[in-house]
Amino acid sequence: MPPLIVVALGAPGRAVLVRWALRETQPNNHELEEARFAKVREGRRDARVQTLRSNPVTDVCRPD
């Protein structure tokens, strides 16, 4: 077969493959993002925000 015909027949196949791959990955990405944001929200509830105070003599910062 001439290369032009092979390329012409292969282009629609590649387009279908790309569309299928995108449809398969979108739900997975959505689930992963939900799980990640849930973990971040839990961490914010549990973590206590501490402020740092600088010691002027030693120039070291330590929590209150």
PDB file of N, CA and C in Angstrom:
ATOM      1  N   MET A   1       0.833  -1.184   0.000  1.00  0.00           N
ATOM      2  CA  MET A   1       0.000   0.000   0.000  1.00  0.00           C
ATOM      3  C   MET A   1       0.875   1.243   0.000  1.00  0.00           C
ATOM      4  N   PRO A   2       0.444   2.245  -0.686  1.00  0.00           N
ATOM      5  CA  PRO A   2       1.193   3.494  -0.641  1.00  0.00           C
ATOM      6  C   PRO A   2       1.112   4.110   0.769  1.00  0.00           C
ATOM      7  N   PRO A   3       2.165   4.783   1.177  1.00  0.00           N
ATOM      8  CA  PRO A   3       2.194   5.346   2.539  1.00  0.00           C
ATOM      9  C   PRO A   3       1.052   6.322   2.815  1.00  0.00           C
ATOM     10  N   LEU A   4       0.604   7.060   1.813  1.00  0.00           N
ATOM     11  CA  LEU A   4      -0.479   8.013   2.032  1.00  0.00           C
ATOM     12  C   LEU A   4      -1.761   7.302   2.452  1.00  0.00           C
ATOM     13  N   ILE A   5      -2.036   6.172   1.874  1.00  0.00           N
ATOM     14  CA  ILE A   5      -3.240   5.411   2.227  1.00  0.00           C
ATOM     15  C   ILE A   5      -3.107   4.857   3.646  1.00  0.00           C
ATOM     16  N   VAL A   6      -1.938   4.377   3.996  1.00  0.00           N
ATOM     17  CA  VAL A   6      -1.717   3.842   5.345  1.00  0.00           C
ATOM     18  C   VAL A   6      -1.913   4.949   6.384  1.00  0.00           C
ATOM     19  N   VAL A   7      -1.375   6.122   6.120  1.00  0.00           N
ATOM     20  CA  VAL A   7      -1.531   7.244   7.046  1.00  0.00           C
ATOM     21  C   VAL A   7      -2.995   7.655   7.119  1.00  0.00           C
ATOM     22  N   ALA A   8      -3.680   7.697   5.978  1.00  0.00           N
ATOM     23  CA  ALA A   8      -5.084   8.097   5.957  1.00  0.00           C
ATOM     24  C   ALA A   8      -5.953   7.113   6.725  1.00  0.00           C
ATOM     25  N   LEU A   9      -5.651   5.847   6.679  1.00  0.00           N
ATOM     26  CA  LEU A   9      -6.428   4.855   7.418  1.00  0.00           C
ATOM     27  C   LEU A   9      -6.041   4.820   8.901  1.00  0.00           C
ATOM     28  N   GLY A  10      -4.812   5.183   9.222  1.00  0.00           N
ATOM     29  CA  GLY A  10      -4.359   5.139  10.608  1.00  0.00           C
ATOM     30  C   GLY A  10      -4.811   6.324  11.437  1.00  0.00           C
ATOM     31  N   ALA A  11      -5.069   7.465  10.818  1.00  0.00           N
ATOM     32  CA  ALA A  11      -5.456   8.675  11.562  1.00  0.00           C
ATOM     33  C   ALA A  11      -6.767   8.492  12.329  1.00  0.00           C
ATOM     34  N   PRO A  12      -7.822   7.967  11.724  1.00  0.00           N
ATOM     35  CA  PRO A  12      -9.059   7.779  12.504  1.00  0.00           C
ATOM     36  C   PRO A  12      -8.882   6.772  13.652  1.00  0.00           C
ATOM     37  N   GLY A  13      -8.075   5.773  13.418  1.00  0.00           N
ATOM     38  CA  GLY A  13      -7.821   4.800  14.477  1.00  0.00           C
ATOM     39  C   GLY A  13      -7.115   5.431  15.662  1.00  0.00           C
ATOM     40  N   ARG A  14      -6.159   6.301  15.380  1.00  0.00           N
ATOM     41  CA  ARG A  14      -5.459   6.991  16.468  1.00  0.00           C
ATOM     42  C   ARG A  14      -6.410   7.918  17.210  1.00  0.00           C
ATOM     43  N   ALA A  15      -7.290   8.604  16.477  1.00  0.00           N
ATOM     44  CA  ALA A  15      -8.248   9.516  17.112  1.00  0.00           C
ATOM     45  C   ALA A  15      -9.183   8.751  18.042  1.00  0.00           C
ATOM     46  N   VAL A  16      -9.649   7.598  17.616  1.00  0.00           N
ATOM     47  CA  VAL A  16     -10.523   6.776  18.452  1.00  0.00           C
ATOM     48  C   VAL A  16      -9.764   6.298  19.687  1.00  0.00           C
ATOM     49  N   LEU A  17      -8.534   5.907  19.528  1.00  0.00           N
ATOM     50  CA  LEU A  17      -7.728   5.442  20.654  1.00  0.00           C
ATOM     51  C   LEU A  17      -7.493   6.554  21.672  1.00  0.00           C
ATOM     52  N   VAL A  18      -7.226   7.754  21.205  1.00  0.00           N
ATOM     53  CA  VAL A  18      -7.005   8.881  22.114  1.00  0.00           C
ATOM     54  C   VAL A  18      -8.284   9.222  22.864  1.00  0.00           C
ATOM     55  N   ARG A  19      -9.417   9.246  22.172  1.00  0.00           N
ATOM     56  CA  ARG A  19     -10.693   9.535  22.847  1.00  0.00           C
ATOM     57  C   ARG A  19     -11.012   8.479  23.891  1.00  0.00           C
ATOM     58  N   TRP A  20     -10.768   7.215  23.583  1.00  0.00           N
ATOM     59  CA  TRP A  20     -11.019   6.142  24.550  1.00  0.00           C
ATOM     60  C   TRP A  20     -10.118   6.301  25.772  1.00  0.00           C
ATOM     61  N   ALA A  21      -8.841   6.614  25.567  1.00  0.00           N
ATOM     62  CA  ALA A  21      -7.903   6.771  26.680  1.00  0.00           C
ATOM     63  C   ALA A  21      -8.319   7.942  27.573  1.00  0.00           C
ATOM     64  N   LEU A  22      -8.755   9.038  26.978  1.00  0.00           N
ATOM     65  CA  LEU A  22      -9.190  10.188  27.776  1.00  0.00           C
ATOM     66  C   LEU A  22     -10.425   9.852  28.597  1.00  0.00           C
ATOM     67  N   ARG A  23     -11.368   9.151  28.005  1.00  0.00           N
ATOM     68  CA  ARG A  23     -12.574   8.775  28.753  1.00  0.00           C
ATOM     69  C   ARG A  23     -12.258   7.831  29.903  1.00  0.00           C
ATOM     70  N   GLU A  24     -11.282   6.981  29.741  1.00  0.00           N
ATOM     71  CA  GLU A  24     -10.920   6.040  30.799  1.00  0.00           C
ATOM     72  C   GLU A  24     -10.182   6.717  31.949  1.00  0.00           C
ATOM     73  N   THR A  25      -9.392   7.745  31.672  1.00  0.00           N
ATOM     74  CA  THR A  25      -8.587   8.365  32.722  1.00  0.00           C
ATOM     75  C   THR A  25      -9.325   9.453  33.483  1.00  0.00           C
ATOM     76  N   GLN A  26     -10.317  10.112  32.897  1.00  0.00           N
ATOM     77  CA  GLN A  26     -10.998  11.210  33.578  1.00  0.00           C
ATOM     78  C   GLN A  26     -11.656  10.777  34.891  1.00  0.00           C
ATOM     79  N   PRO A  27     -12.433   9.696  34.961  1.00  0.00           N
ATOM     80  CA  PRO A  27     -13.035   9.307  36.251  1.00  0.00           C
ATOM     81  C   PRO A  27     -11.976   8.974  37.298  1.00  0.00           C
ATOM     82  N   ASN A  28     -10.889   8.345  36.886  1.00  0.00           N
ATOM     83  CA  ASN A  28      -9.839   8.002  37.836  1.00  0.00           C
ATOM     84  C   ASN A  28      -9.202   9.253  38.405  1.00  0.00           C
ATOM     85  N   ASN A  29      -8.928  10.239  37.567  1.00  0.00           N
ATOM     86  CA  ASN A  29      -8.340  11.482  38.040  1.00  0.00           C
ATOM     87  C   ASN A  29      -9.276  12.185  39.010  1.00  0.00           C
ATOM     88  N   HIS A  30     -10.572  12.158  38.728  1.00  0.00           N
ATOM     89  CA  HIS A  30     -11.543  12.803  39.603  1.00  0.00           C
ATOM     90  C   HIS A  30     -11.547  12.132  40.979  1.00  0.00           C
ATOM     91  N   GLU A  31     -11.531  10.806  41.017  1.00  0.00           N
ATOM     92  CA  GLU A  31     -11.509  10.086  42.291  1.00  0.00           C
ATOM     93  C   GLU A  31     -10.235  10.377  43.067  1.00  0.00           C
ATOM     94  N   LEU A  32      -9.109  10.440  42.392  1.00  0.00           N
ATOM     95  CA  LEU A  32      -7.849  10.725  43.076  1.00  0.00           C
ATOM     96  C   LEU A  32      -7.836  12.135  43.652  1.00  0.00           C
ATOM     97  N   GLU A  33      -8.374  13.104  42.917  1.00  0.00           N
ATOM     98  CA  GLU A  33      -8.427  14.475  43.423  1.00  0.00           C
ATOM     99  C   GLU A  33      -9.327  14.579  44.644  1.00  0.00           C
ATOM    100  N   GLU A  34     -10.478  13.894  44.629  1.00  0.00           N
ATOM    101  CA  GLU A  34     -11.365  13.911  45.794  1.00  0.00           C
ATOM    102  C   GLU A  34     -10.667  13.333  47.017  1.00  0.00           C
ATOM    103  N   ALA A  35      -9.955  12.234  46.842  1.00  0.00           N
ATOM    104  CA  ALA A  35      -9.258  11.616  47.967  1.00  0.00           C
ATOM    105  C   ALA A  35      -8.154  12.531  48.489  1.00  0.00           C
ATOM    106  N   ARG A  36      -7.440  13.180  47.602  1.00  0.00           N
ATOM    107  CA  ARG A  36      -6.358  14.067  48.018  1.00  0.00           C
ATOM    108  C   ARG A  36      -6.904  15.269  48.782  1.00  0.00           C
ATOM    109  N   PHE A  37      -7.986  15.877  48.286  1.00  0.00           N
ATOM    110  CA  PHE A  37      -8.560  17.035  48.965  1.00  0.00           C
ATOM    111  C   PHE A  37      -9.162  16.640  50.311  1.00  0.00           C
ATOM    112  N   ALA A  38      -9.726  15.448  50.413  1.00  0.00           N
ATOM    113  CA  ALA A  38     -10.264  14.995  51.698  1.00  0.00           C
ATOM    114  C   ALA A  38      -9.137  14.856  52.713  1.00  0.00           C
ATOM    115  N   LYS A  39      -8.005  14.353  52.277  1.00  0.00           N
ATOM    116  CA  LYS A  39      -6.853  14.197  53.168  1.00  0.00           C
ATOM    117  C   LYS A  39      -6.348  15.560  53.627  1.00  0.00           C
ATOM    118  N   VAL A  40      -6.327  16.534  52.725  1.00  0.00           N
ATOM    119  CA  VAL A  40      -5.873  17.880  53.078  1.00  0.00           C
ATOM    120  C   VAL A  40      -6.825  18.496  54.094  1.00  0.00           C
ATOM    121  N   ARG A  41      -8.140  18.335  53.878  1.00  0.00           N
ATOM    122  CA  ARG A  41      -9.112  18.893  54.813  1.00  0.00           C
ATOM    123  C   ARG A  41      -8.976  18.260  56.192  1.00  0.00           C
ATOM    124  N   GLU A  42      -8.740  16.953  56.267  1.00  0.00           N
ATOM    125  CA  GLU A  42      -8.550  16.290  57.559  1.00  0.00           C
ATOM    126  C   GLU A  42      -7.301  16.808  58.254  1.00  0.00           C
ATOM    127  N   GLY A  43      -6.248  16.998  57.501  1.00  0.00           N
ATOM    128  CA  GLY A  43      -5.003  17.483  58.071  1.00  0.00           C
ATOM    129  C   GLY A  43      -5.155  18.880  58.636  1.00  0.00           C
ATOM    130  N   ARG A  44      -5.950  19.714  58.005  1.00  0.00           N
ATOM    131  CA  ARG A  44      -6.146  21.071  58.507  1.00  0.00           C
ATOM    132  C   ARG A  44      -6.907  21.065  59.813  1.00  0.00           C
ATOM    133  N   ARG A  45      -7.848  20.138  59.990  1.00  0.00           N
ATOM    134  CA  ARG A  45      -8.586  20.075  61.248  1.00  0.00           C
ATOM    135  C   ARG A  45      -7.695  19.622  62.390  1.00  0.00           C
ATOM    136  N   ASP A  46      -6.803  18.682  62.126  1.00  0.00           N
ATOM    137  CA  ASP A  46      -5.986  18.097  63.179  1.00  0.00           C
ATOM    138  C   ASP A  46      -4.764  18.944  63.527  1.00  0.00           C
ATOM    139  N   ALA A  47      -4.243  19.651  62.580  1.00  0.00           N
ATOM    140  CA  ALA A  47      -3.001  20.388  62.812  1.00  0.00           C
ATOM    141  C   ALA A  47      -3.280  21.686  63.565  1.00  0.00           C
ATOM    142  N   ARG A  48      -2.461  21.953  64.539  1.00  0.00           N
ATOM    143  CA  ARG A  48      -2.566  23.193  65.288  1.00  0.00           C
ATOM    144  C   ARG A  48      -1.525  24.156  64.736  1.00  0.00           C
ATOM    145  N   VAL A  49      -1.949  25.347  64.420  1.00  0.00           N
ATOM    146  CA  VAL A  49      -1.033  26.321  63.855  1.00  0.00           C
ATOM    147  C   VAL A  49      -0.232  26.936  64.991  1.00  0.00           C
ATOM    148  N   GLN A  50       1.082  26.868  64.866  1.00  0.00           N
ATOM    149  CA  GLN A  50       1.945  27.442  65.877  1.00  0.00           C
ATOM    150  C   GLN A  50       2.656  28.660  65.304  1.00  0.00           C
ATOM    151  N   THR A  51       2.843  29.649  66.160  1.00  0.00           N
ATOM    152  CA  THR A  51       3.601  30.813  65.727  1.00  0.00           C
ATOM    153  C   THR A  51       5.024  30.677  66.241  1.00  0.00           C
ATOM    154  N   LEU A  52       5.937  31.250  65.521  1.00  0.00           N
ATOM    155  CA  LEU A  52       7.340  31.199  65.911  1.00  0.00           C
ATOM    156  C   LEU A  52       7.759  32.543  66.491  1.00  0.00           C
ATOM    157  N   ARG A  53       8.556  32.467  67.544  1.00  0.00           N
ATOM    158  CA  ARG A  53       9.107  33.678  68.147  1.00  0.00           C
ATOM    159  C   ARG A  53      10.614  33.629  67.996  1.00  0.00           C
ATOM    160  N   SER A  54      11.163  34.750  67.632  1.00  0.00           N
ATOM    161  CA  SER A  54      12.608  34.835  67.443  1.00  0.00           C
ATOM    162  C   SER A  54      13.275  35.255  68.743  1.00  0.00           C
ATOM    163  N   ASN A  55      14.349  34.556  69.103  1.00  0.00           N
ATOM    164  CA  ASN A  55      15.151  34.925  70.259  1.00  0.00           C
ATOM    165  C   ASN A  55      16.200  35.911  69.768  1.00  0.00           C
ATOM    166  N   PRO A  56      16.179  37.158  70.258  1.00  0.00           N
ATOM    167  CA  PRO A  56      17.112  38.152  69.737  1.00  0.00           C
ATOM    168  C   PRO A  56      18.566  37.859  70.090  1.00  0.00           C
ATOM    169  N   VAL A  57      18.813  37.107  71.141  1.00  0.00           N
ATOM    170  CA  VAL A  57      20.184  36.820  71.556  1.00  0.00           C
ATOM    171  C   VAL A  57      20.818  35.760  70.649  1.00  0.00           C
ATOM    172  N   THR A  58      20.077  34.649  70.456  1.00  0.00           N
ATOM    173  CA  THR A  58      20.635  33.556  69.664  1.00  0.00           C
ATOM    174  C   THR A  58      20.187  33.609  68.210  1.00  0.00           C
ATOM    175  N   ASP A  59      19.182  34.427  67.904  1.00  0.00           N
ATOM    176  CA  ASP A  59      18.639  34.555  66.557  1.00  0.00           C
ATOM    177  C   ASP A  59      18.079  33.230  66.047  1.00  0.00           C
ATOM    178  N   VAL A  60      17.441  32.466  66.965  1.00  0.00           N
ATOM    179  CA  VAL A  60      16.825  31.194  66.625  1.00  0.00           C
ATOM    180  C   VAL A  60      15.325  31.342  66.829  1.00  0.00           C
ATOM    181  N   CYS A  61      14.538  30.811  65.901  1.00  0.00           N
ATOM    182  CA  CYS A  61      13.082  30.856  66.011  1.00  0.00           C
ATOM    183  C   CYS A  61      12.601  29.568  66.643  1.00  0.00           C
ATOM    184  N   ARG A  62      11.681  29.726  67.620  1.00  0.00           N
ATOM    185  CA  ARG A  62      11.110  28.559  68.315  1.00  0.00           C
ATOM    186  C   ARG A  62       9.606  28.748  68.445  1.00  0.00           C
ATOM    187  N   PRO A  63       8.867  27.642  68.527  1.00  0.00           N
ATOM    188  CA  PRO A  63       7.407  27.770  68.697  1.00  0.00           C
ATOM    189  C   PRO A  63       7.077  28.302  70.092  1.00  0.00           C
ATOM    190  N   ASP A  64       5.897  28.937  70.193  1.00  0.00           N
ATOM    191  CA  ASP A  64       5.437  29.451  71.497  1.00  0.00           C
ATOM    192  C   ASP A  64       5.185  28.330  72.459  1.00  0.00           C
TER     193      ASP A  64
END
